[in-house]
Amino acid sequence: MTPENFKEARRKLGLSASQMGRVIGLTGDPGRTVRRYEAGDIEISGPVQVAIRYILRYGLDKIARTTVTGCRL
């Protein structure tokens, strides 16, 4: 997955960088990490790529209720 693919997926889902980070389970400053993925500063790990593909395939509704606390989607 390229940084451009990652950014396109986030935009398709209608999420901010911070929301996307929380949805895929990032800790610390999830928005900063997402922005670094999108800029190509850090490699997008395999598990993150799988999570993105899963979300795109099955939708946020299927996972949001069980994985995201306090994230307005």
C-alpha atoms as a PDB file:
ATOM      1  CA  MET A   1       0.000   0.000   0.000  1.00  0.00           C
ATOM      2  CA  THR A   2       1.415   3.352  -0.998  1.00  0.00           C
ATOM      3  CA  PRO A   3       1.055   6.544   1.030  1.00  0.00           C
ATOM      4  CA  GLU A   4      -1.317   7.773  -1.675  1.00  0.00           C
ATOM      5  CA  ASN A   5      -3.465   4.630  -1.355  1.00  0.00           C
ATOM      6  CA  PHE A   6      -3.589   5.107   2.403  1.00  0.00           C
ATOM      7  CA  LYS A   7      -4.677   8.739   2.094  1.00  0.00           C
ATOM      8  CA  GLU A   8      -7.265   7.831  -0.540  1.00  0.00           C
ATOM      9  CA  ALA A   9      -8.708   5.158   1.760  1.00  0.00           C
ATOM     10  CA  ARG A  10      -8.959   7.611   4.653  1.00  0.00           C
ATOM     11  CA  ARG A  11     -10.705  10.177   2.490  1.00  0.00           C
ATOM     12  CA  LYS A  12     -13.054   7.544   1.077  1.00  0.00           C
ATOM     13  CA  LEU A  13     -14.020   6.649   4.643  1.00  0.00           C
ATOM     14  CA  GLY A  14     -14.513  10.326   5.499  1.00  0.00           C
ATOM     15  CA  LEU A  15     -12.209  10.233   8.519  1.00  0.00           C
ATOM     16  CA  SER A  16      -9.766  12.733   9.939  1.00  0.00           C
ATOM     17  CA  ALA A  17      -6.195  11.554  10.455  1.00  0.00           C
ATOM     18  CA  SER A  18      -6.849  11.196  14.183  1.00  0.00           C
ATOM     19  CA  GLN A  19     -10.037   9.196  13.641  1.00  0.00           C
ATOM     20  CA  MET A  20      -8.341   6.900  11.146  1.00  0.00           C
ATOM     21  CA  GLY A  21      -5.525   6.263  13.601  1.00  0.00           C
ATOM     22  CA  ARG A  22      -7.942   5.314  16.352  1.00  0.00           C
ATOM     23  CA  VAL A  23      -9.975   3.086  14.036  1.00  0.00           C
ATOM     24  CA  ILE A  24      -6.896   1.069  13.076  1.00  0.00           C
ATOM     25  CA  GLY A  25      -5.746   0.855  16.683  1.00  0.00           C
ATOM     26  CA  LEU A  26      -2.818   3.267  16.799  1.00  0.00           C
ATOM     27  CA  THR A  27      -1.788   4.574  20.209  1.00  0.00           C
ATOM     28  CA  GLY A  28       0.039   7.671  21.376  1.00  0.00           C
ATOM     29  CA  ASP A  29      -0.682  10.383  18.801  1.00  0.00           C
ATOM     30  CA  PRO A  30      -2.625   8.433  16.159  1.00  0.00           C
ATOM     31  CA  GLY A  31      -3.202  11.463  13.929  1.00  0.00           C
ATOM     32  CA  ARG A  32       0.517  12.190  13.723  1.00  0.00           C
ATOM     33  CA  THR A  33       1.298   8.597  12.788  1.00  0.00           C
ATOM     34  CA  VAL A  34      -1.355   8.632  10.059  1.00  0.00           C
ATOM     35  CA  ARG A  35       0.059  11.877   8.662  1.00  0.00           C
ATOM     36  CA  ARG A  36       3.524  10.285   8.642  1.00  0.00           C
ATOM     37  CA  TYR A  37       2.139   7.253   6.769  1.00  0.00           C
ATOM     38  CA  GLU A  38       0.541   9.553   4.219  1.00  0.00           C
ATOM     39  CA  ALA A  39       3.734  11.586   3.773  1.00  0.00           C
ATOM     40  CA  GLY A  40       5.779   8.425   3.257  1.00  0.00           C
ATOM     41  CA  ASP A  41       7.910   9.188   6.329  1.00  0.00           C
ATOM     42  CA  ILE A  42       7.298   5.738   7.796  1.00  0.00           C
ATOM     43  CA  GLU A  43       6.391   2.429   6.216  1.00  0.00           C
ATOM     44  CA  ILE A  44       2.781   1.290   6.482  1.00  0.00           C
ATOM     45  CA  SER A  45       2.998  -2.037   8.331  1.00  0.00           C
ATOM     46  CA  GLY A  46       1.361  -5.199   7.059  1.00  0.00           C
ATOM     47  CA  PRO A  47      -1.205  -5.352   9.878  1.00  0.00           C
ATOM     48  CA  VAL A  48      -2.234  -1.740   9.223  1.00  0.00           C
ATOM     49  CA  GLN A  49      -2.646  -2.516   5.528  1.00  0.00           C
ATOM     50  CA  VAL A  50      -4.825  -5.518   6.362  1.00  0.00           C
ATOM     51  CA  ALA A  51      -6.942  -3.408   8.717  1.00  0.00           C
ATOM     52  CA  ILE A  52      -7.487  -0.760   6.027  1.00  0.00           C
ATOM     53  CA  ARG A  53      -8.489  -3.347   3.439  1.00  0.00           C
ATOM     54  CA  TYR A  54     -10.879  -4.979   5.914  1.00  0.00           C
ATOM     55  CA  ILE A  55     -12.514  -1.652   6.733  1.00  0.00           C
ATOM     56  CA  LEU A  56     -12.868  -0.771   3.054  1.00  0.00           C
ATOM     57  CA  ARG A  57     -14.383  -4.165   2.290  1.00  0.00           C
ATOM     58  CA  TYR A  58     -16.796  -4.489   5.219  1.00  0.00           C
ATOM     59  CA  GLY A  59     -17.346  -0.888   6.289  1.00  0.00           C
ATOM     60  CA  LEU A  60     -16.918   1.056   9.466  1.00  0.00           C
ATOM     61  CA  ASP A  61     -20.330   0.113  10.816  1.00  0.00           C
ATOM     62  CA  LYS A  62     -19.241  -3.490  11.259  1.00  0.00           C
ATOM     63  CA  ILE A  63     -16.178  -2.648  13.337  1.00  0.00           C
ATOM     64  CA  ALA A  64     -16.863   0.772  14.858  1.00  0.00           C
ATOM     65  CA  ARG A  65     -19.139  -0.430  17.630  1.00  0.00           C
ATOM     66  CA  THR A  66     -16.539  -2.788  19.032  1.00  0.00           C
ATOM     67  CA  THR A  67     -13.194  -1.100  18.361  1.00  0.00           C
ATOM     68  CA  VAL A  68     -13.577   2.664  18.645  1.00  0.00           C
ATOM     69  CA  THR A  69     -14.437   4.409  21.865  1.00  0.00           C
ATOM     70  CA  GLY A  70     -15.199   8.116  21.753  1.00  0.00           C
ATOM     71  CA  CYS A  71     -14.632   8.430  18.014  1.00  0.00           C
ATOM     72  CA  ARG A  72     -17.404  10.195  16.162  1.00  0.00           C
ATOM     73  CA  LEU A  73     -17.956   8.394  12.907  1.00  0.00           C
END
